[in-house]
Amino acid sequence: MKLSDIMSHAGLSIYTEIALVLFVAVFIAVAIRTWLPSRRRELDAAARLPFDEGTVVSHSRPKER
């Protein structure tokens, strides 16, 4: 008896489908969060970091009153 026979009769195929759905959901969430227009300033500052010559860049948002 092969391992693939044992696994196919164990009924564990639902776990692979759940894992695929979770992976796709997380991927879409990360992609949407990355390309939100509100994050443009932060991502532009991070993109310039390799060319920075030691200046300190604040990534925090200014406090609103």
PDB file of N, CA and C in Angstrom:
ATOM      1  N   MET A   1       0.839  -1.177   0.000  1.00  0.00           N
ATOM      2  CA  MET A   1       0.000   0.000   0.000  1.00  0.00           C
ATOM      3  C   MET A   1       0.889   1.247   0.000  1.00  0.00           C
ATOM      4  N   LYS A   2       0.581   2.192  -0.894  1.00  0.00           N
ATOM      5  CA  LYS A   2       1.371   3.420  -1.022  1.00  0.00           C
ATOM      6  C   LYS A   2       0.875   4.492  -0.047  1.00  0.00           C
ATOM      7  N   LEU A   3       1.743   5.429   0.221  1.00  0.00           N
ATOM      8  CA  LEU A   3       1.384   6.554   1.083  1.00  0.00           C
ATOM      9  C   LEU A   3       0.275   7.392   0.447  1.00  0.00           C
ATOM     10  N   SER A   4       0.298   7.538  -0.868  1.00  0.00           N
ATOM     11  CA  SER A   4      -0.748   8.319  -1.537  1.00  0.00           C
ATOM     12  C   SER A   4      -2.117   7.660  -1.389  1.00  0.00           C
ATOM     13  N   ASP A   5      -2.159   6.339  -1.350  1.00  0.00           N
ATOM     14  CA  ASP A   5      -3.423   5.633  -1.121  1.00  0.00           C
ATOM     15  C   ASP A   5      -3.952   5.905   0.288  1.00  0.00           C
ATOM     16  N   ILE A   6      -3.061   5.877   1.243  1.00  0.00           N
ATOM     17  CA  ILE A   6      -3.459   6.130   2.634  1.00  0.00           C
ATOM     18  C   ILE A   6      -3.985   7.551   2.789  1.00  0.00           C
ATOM     19  N   MET A   7      -3.268   8.509   2.222  1.00  0.00           N
ATOM     20  CA  MET A   7      -3.665   9.906   2.352  1.00  0.00           C
ATOM     21  C   MET A   7      -4.972  10.200   1.623  1.00  0.00           C
ATOM     22  N   SER A   8      -5.199   9.555   0.484  1.00  0.00           N
ATOM     23  CA  SER A   8      -6.424   9.810  -0.254  1.00  0.00           C
ATOM     24  C   SER A   8      -7.641   9.234   0.466  1.00  0.00           C
ATOM     25  N   HIS A   9      -7.473   8.165   1.177  1.00  0.00           N
ATOM     26  CA  HIS A   9      -8.586   7.567   1.916  1.00  0.00           C
ATOM     27  C   HIS A   9      -8.782   8.200   3.290  1.00  0.00           C
ATOM     28  N   ALA A  10      -7.849   9.024   3.729  1.00  0.00           N
ATOM     29  CA  ALA A  10      -7.957   9.647   5.046  1.00  0.00           C
ATOM     30  C   ALA A  10      -8.898  10.849   5.035  1.00  0.00           C
ATOM     31  N   GLY A  11      -9.227  11.354   3.855  1.00  0.00           N
ATOM     32  CA  GLY A  11     -10.147  12.484   3.766  1.00  0.00           C
ATOM     33  C   GLY A  11      -9.537  13.809   4.188  1.00  0.00           C
ATOM     34  N   LEU A  12      -8.283  14.007   3.896  1.00  0.00           N
ATOM     35  CA  LEU A  12      -7.592  15.224   4.302  1.00  0.00           C
ATOM     36  C   LEU A  12      -7.513  16.271   3.192  1.00  0.00           C
ATOM     37  N   SER A  13      -8.201  16.049   2.097  1.00  0.00           N
ATOM     38  CA  SER A  13      -8.088  16.980   0.978  1.00  0.00           C
ATOM     39  C   SER A  13      -8.708  18.341   1.274  1.00  0.00           C
ATOM     40  N   ILE A  14      -9.618  18.418   2.221  1.00  0.00           N
ATOM     41  CA  ILE A  14     -10.244  19.701   2.555  1.00  0.00           C
ATOM     42  C   ILE A  14      -9.217  20.681   3.120  1.00  0.00           C
ATOM     43  N   TYR A  15      -8.202  20.172   3.809  1.00  0.00           N
ATOM     44  CA  TYR A  15      -7.190  21.049   4.397  1.00  0.00           C
ATOM     45  C   TYR A  15      -6.365  21.765   3.329  1.00  0.00           C
ATOM     46  N   THR A  16      -6.099  21.105   2.229  1.00  0.00           N
ATOM     47  CA  THR A  16      -5.357  21.771   1.163  1.00  0.00           C
ATOM     48  C   THR A  16      -6.193  22.878   0.529  1.00  0.00           C
ATOM     49  N   GLU A  17      -7.491  22.645   0.411  1.00  0.00           N
ATOM     50  CA  GLU A  17      -8.373  23.664  -0.156  1.00  0.00           C
ATOM     51  C   GLU A  17      -8.492  24.861   0.782  1.00  0.00           C
ATOM     52  N   ILE A  18      -8.587  24.606   2.077  1.00  0.00           N
ATOM     53  CA  ILE A  18      -8.639  25.688   3.060  1.00  0.00           C
ATOM     54  C   ILE A  18      -7.343  26.483   3.040  1.00  0.00           C
ATOM     55  N   ALA A  19      -6.218  25.810   2.953  1.00  0.00           N
ATOM     56  CA  ALA A  19      -4.924  26.493   2.912  1.00  0.00           C
ATOM     57  C   ALA A  19      -4.812  27.368   1.666  1.00  0.00           C
ATOM     58  N   LEU A  20      -5.299  26.880   0.536  1.00  0.00           N
ATOM     59  CA  LEU A  20      -5.255  27.663  -0.692  1.00  0.00           C
ATOM     60  C   LEU A  20      -6.119  28.908  -0.578  1.00  0.00           C
ATOM     61  N   VAL A  21      -7.315  28.782  -0.033  1.00  0.00           N
ATOM     62  CA  VAL A  21      -8.201  29.932   0.136  1.00  0.00           C
ATOM     63  C   VAL A  21      -7.593  30.947   1.091  1.00  0.00           C
ATOM     64  N   LEU A  22      -6.997  30.480   2.194  1.00  0.00           N
ATOM     65  CA  LEU A  22      -6.339  31.393   3.132  1.00  0.00           C
ATOM     66  C   LEU A  22      -5.165  32.119   2.476  1.00  0.00           C
ATOM     67  N   PHE A  23      -4.362  31.394   1.722  1.00  0.00           N
ATOM     68  CA  PHE A  23      -3.220  32.014   1.054  1.00  0.00           C
ATOM     69  C   PHE A  23      -3.673  33.092   0.084  1.00  0.00           C
ATOM     70  N   VAL A  24      -4.681  32.798  -0.719  1.00  0.00           N
ATOM     71  CA  VAL A  24      -5.170  33.769  -1.697  1.00  0.00           C
ATOM     72  C   VAL A  24      -5.750  34.989  -0.989  1.00  0.00           C
ATOM     73  N   ALA A  25      -6.490  34.776   0.101  1.00  0.00           N
ATOM     74  CA  ALA A  25      -7.070  35.893   0.846  1.00  0.00           C
ATOM     75  C   ALA A  25      -5.991  36.799   1.438  1.00  0.00           C
ATOM     76  N   VAL A  26      -4.970  36.207   2.016  1.00  0.00           N
ATOM     77  CA  VAL A  26      -3.877  37.000   2.591  1.00  0.00           C
ATOM     78  C   VAL A  26      -3.112  37.730   1.491  1.00  0.00           C
ATOM     79  N   PHE A  27      -2.874  37.062   0.375  1.00  0.00           N
ATOM     80  CA  PHE A  27      -2.168  37.709  -0.742  1.00  0.00           C
ATOM     81  C   PHE A  27      -2.939  38.926  -1.241  1.00  0.00           C
ATOM     82  N   ILE A  28      -4.244  38.785  -1.415  1.00  0.00           N
ATOM     83  CA  ILE A  28      -5.063  39.902  -1.891  1.00  0.00           C
ATOM     84  C   ILE A  28      -5.067  41.032  -0.865  1.00  0.00           C
ATOM     85  N   ALA A  29      -5.162  40.704   0.430  1.00  0.00           N
ATOM     86  CA  ALA A  29      -5.146  41.733   1.475  1.00  0.00           C
ATOM     87  C   ALA A  29      -3.829  42.499   1.482  1.00  0.00           C
ATOM     88  N   VAL A  30      -2.718  41.803   1.343  1.00  0.00           N
ATOM     89  CA  VAL A  30      -1.407  42.465   1.323  1.00  0.00           C
ATOM     90  C   VAL A  30      -1.267  43.331   0.074  1.00  0.00           C
ATOM     91  N   ALA A  31      -1.716  42.838  -1.057  1.00  0.00           N
ATOM     92  CA  ALA A  31      -1.626  43.614  -2.304  1.00  0.00           C
ATOM     93  C   ALA A  31      -2.474  44.876  -2.217  1.00  0.00           C
ATOM     94  N   ILE A  32      -3.683  44.776  -1.690  1.00  0.00           N
ATOM     95  CA  ILE A  32      -4.535  45.959  -1.553  1.00  0.00           C
ATOM     96  C   ILE A  32      -3.914  46.960  -0.581  1.00  0.00           C
ATOM     97  N   ARG A  33      -3.400  46.468   0.549  1.00  0.00           N
ATOM     98  CA  ARG A  33      -2.792  47.363   1.541  1.00  0.00           C
ATOM     99  C   ARG A  33      -1.553  48.053   0.977  1.00  0.00           C
ATOM    100  N   THR A  34      -0.817  47.358   0.141  1.00  0.00           N
ATOM    101  CA  THR A  34       0.396  47.938  -0.428  1.00  0.00           C
ATOM    102  C   THR A  34       0.087  49.077  -1.387  1.00  0.00           C
ATOM    103  N   TRP A  35      -0.943  48.923  -2.198  1.00  0.00           N
ATOM    104  CA  TRP A  35      -1.224  49.926  -3.217  1.00  0.00           C
ATOM    105  C   TRP A  35      -2.310  50.916  -2.840  1.00  0.00           C
ATOM    106  N   LEU A  36      -2.594  51.049  -1.554  1.00  0.00           N
ATOM    107  CA  LEU A  36      -3.553  52.067  -1.134  1.00  0.00           C
ATOM    108  C   LEU A  36      -2.955  53.453  -1.374  1.00  0.00           C
ATOM    109  N   PRO A  37      -3.740  54.392  -1.885  1.00  0.00           N
ATOM    110  CA  PRO A  37      -3.213  55.737  -2.114  1.00  0.00           C
ATOM    111  C   PRO A  37      -2.740  56.413  -0.830  1.00  0.00           C
ATOM    112  N   SER A  38      -3.297  56.071   0.312  1.00  0.00           N
ATOM    113  CA  SER A  38      -2.892  56.696   1.570  1.00  0.00           C
ATOM    114  C   SER A  38      -1.476  56.296   1.996  1.00  0.00           C
ATOM    115  N   ARG A  39      -0.934  55.241   1.432  1.00  0.00           N
ATOM    116  CA  ARG A  39       0.421  54.790   1.796  1.00  0.00           C
ATOM    117  C   ARG A  39       1.492  55.283   0.829  1.00  0.00           C
ATOM    118  N   ARG A  40       1.121  56.088  -0.158  1.00  0.00           N
ATOM    119  CA  ARG A  40       2.064  56.521  -1.177  1.00  0.00           C
ATOM    120  C   ARG A  40       3.252  57.261  -0.567  1.00  0.00           C
ATOM    121  N   ARG A  41       3.006  58.185   0.349  1.00  0.00           N
ATOM    122  CA  ARG A  41       4.095  58.981   0.932  1.00  0.00           C
ATOM    123  C   ARG A  41       5.079  58.081   1.692  1.00  0.00           C
ATOM    124  N   GLU A  42       4.555  57.146   2.461  1.00  0.00           N
ATOM    125  CA  GLU A  42       5.405  56.244   3.231  1.00  0.00           C
ATOM    126  C   GLU A  42       6.238  55.345   2.312  1.00  0.00           C
ATOM    127  N   LEU A  43       5.639  54.826   1.249  1.00  0.00           N
ATOM    128  CA  LEU A  43       6.364  53.951   0.335  1.00  0.00           C
ATOM    129  C   LEU A  43       7.391  54.719  -0.489  1.00  0.00           C
ATOM    130  N   ASP A  44       7.085  55.971  -0.856  1.00  0.00           N
ATOM    131  CA  ASP A  44       8.072  56.792  -1.562  1.00  0.00           C
ATOM    132  C   ASP A  44       9.284  57.071  -0.677  1.00  0.00           C
ATOM    133  N   ALA A  45       9.043  57.353   0.601  1.00  0.00           N
ATOM    134  CA  ALA A  45      10.155  57.587   1.523  1.00  0.00           C
ATOM    135  C   ALA A  45      10.996  56.326   1.691  1.00  0.00           C
ATOM    136  N   ALA A  46      10.358  55.169   1.765  1.00  0.00           N
ATOM    137  CA  ALA A  46      11.089  53.905   1.893  1.00  0.00           C
ATOM    138  C   ALA A  46      11.874  53.593   0.620  1.00  0.00           C
ATOM    139  N   ALA A  47      11.340  53.985  -0.540  1.00  0.00           N
ATOM    140  CA  ALA A  47      12.034  53.735  -1.800  1.00  0.00           C
ATOM    141  C   ALA A  47      13.295  54.584  -1.917  1.00  0.00           C
ATOM    142  N   ARG A  48      13.313  55.745  -1.275  1.00  0.00           N
ATOM    143  CA  ARG A  48      14.490  56.629  -1.341  1.00  0.00           C
ATOM    144  C   ARG A  48      15.559  56.296  -0.308  1.00  0.00           C
ATOM    145  N   LEU A  49      15.286  55.387   0.619  1.00  0.00           N
ATOM    146  CA  LEU A  49      16.237  55.065   1.683  1.00  0.00           C
ATOM    147  C   LEU A  49      17.618  54.623   1.177  1.00  0.00           C
ATOM    148  N   PRO A  50      17.746  53.806   0.135  1.00  0.00           N
ATOM    149  CA  PRO A  50      19.082  53.414  -0.309  1.00  0.00           C
ATOM    150  C   PRO A  50      19.927  54.592  -0.805  1.00  0.00           C
ATOM    151  N   PHE A  51      19.295  55.665  -1.218  1.00  0.00           N
ATOM    152  CA  PHE A  51      20.013  56.821  -1.735  1.00  0.00           C
ATOM    153  C   PHE A  51      20.214  57.888  -0.674  1.00  0.00           C
ATOM    154  N   ASP A  52      19.703  57.656   0.517  1.00  0.00           N
ATOM    155  CA  ASP A  52      19.826  58.607   1.611  1.00  0.00           C
ATOM    156  C   ASP A  52      21.258  58.617   2.128  1.00  0.00           C
ATOM    157  N   GLU A  53      21.710  59.782   2.545  1.00  0.00           N
ATOM    158  CA  GLU A  53      23.081  59.895   3.046  1.00  0.00           C
ATOM    159  C   GLU A  53      23.101  60.150   4.541  1.00  0.00           C
ATOM    160  N   GLY A  54      22.335  59.372   5.280  1.00  0.00           N
ATOM    161  CA  GLY A  54      22.367  59.466   6.724  1.00  0.00           C
ATOM    162  C   GLY A  54      21.335  60.399   7.321  1.00  0.00           C
ATOM    163  N   THR A  55      20.484  60.999   6.543  1.00  0.00           N
ATOM    164  CA  THR A  55      19.458  61.861   7.113  1.00  0.00           C
ATOM    165  C   THR A  55      18.371  61.004   7.732  1.00  0.00           C
ATOM    166  N   VAL A  56      17.766  61.509   8.761  1.00  0.00           N
ATOM    167  CA  VAL A  56      16.725  60.778   9.471  1.00  0.00           C
ATOM    168  C   VAL A  56      15.380  61.104   8.846  1.00  0.00           C
ATOM    169  N   VAL A  57      14.643  60.069   8.508  1.00  0.00           N
ATOM    170  CA  VAL A  57      13.325  60.237   7.911  1.00  0.00           C
ATOM    171  C   VAL A  57      12.304  59.661   8.870  1.00  0.00           C
ATOM    172  N   SER A  58      11.302  60.451   9.214  1.00  0.00           N
ATOM    173  CA  SER A  58      10.256  59.993  10.114  1.00  0.00           C
ATOM    174  C   SER A  58       9.153  59.328   9.303  1.00  0.00           C
ATOM    175  N   HIS A  59       8.775  58.118   9.719  1.00  0.00           N
ATOM    176  CA  HIS A  59       7.710  57.406   9.033  1.00  0.00           C
ATOM    177  C   HIS A  59       6.370  57.550   9.737  1.00  0.00           C
ATOM    178  N   SER A  60       6.374  58.270  10.849  1.00  0.00           N
ATOM    179  CA  SER A  60       5.121  58.422  11.587  1.00  0.00           C
ATOM    180  C   SER A  60       4.309  59.571  10.999  1.00  0.00           C
ATOM    181  N   ARG A  61       3.034  59.447  11.142  1.00  0.00           N
ATOM    182  CA  ARG A  61       2.134  60.485  10.654  1.00  0.00           C
ATOM    183  C   ARG A  61       2.070  61.619  11.673  1.00  0.00           C
ATOM    184  N   PRO A  62       1.915  62.841  11.214  1.00  0.00           N
ATOM    185  CA  PRO A  62       1.787  63.947  12.178  1.00  0.00           C
ATOM    186  C   PRO A  62       0.481  63.818  12.958  1.00  0.00           C
ATOM    187  N   LYS A  63       0.526  64.253  14.201  1.00  0.00           N
ATOM    188  CA  LYS A  63      -0.658  64.167  15.063  1.00  0.00           C
ATOM    189  C   LYS A  63      -1.696  65.197  14.621  1.00  0.00           C
ATOM    190  N   GLU A  64      -2.931  64.760  14.550  1.00  0.00           N
ATOM    191  CA  GLU A  64      -4.011  65.663  14.187  1.00  0.00           C
ATOM    192  C   GLU A  64      -4.605  66.255  15.446  1.00  0.00           C
ATOM    193  N   ARG A  65      -5.022  67.507  15.358  1.00  0.00           N
ATOM    194  CA  ARG A  65      -5.604  68.171  16.527  1.00  0.00           C
ATOM    195  C   ARG A  65      -7.078  68.254  16.413  1.00  0.00           C
TER     196      ARG A  65
END
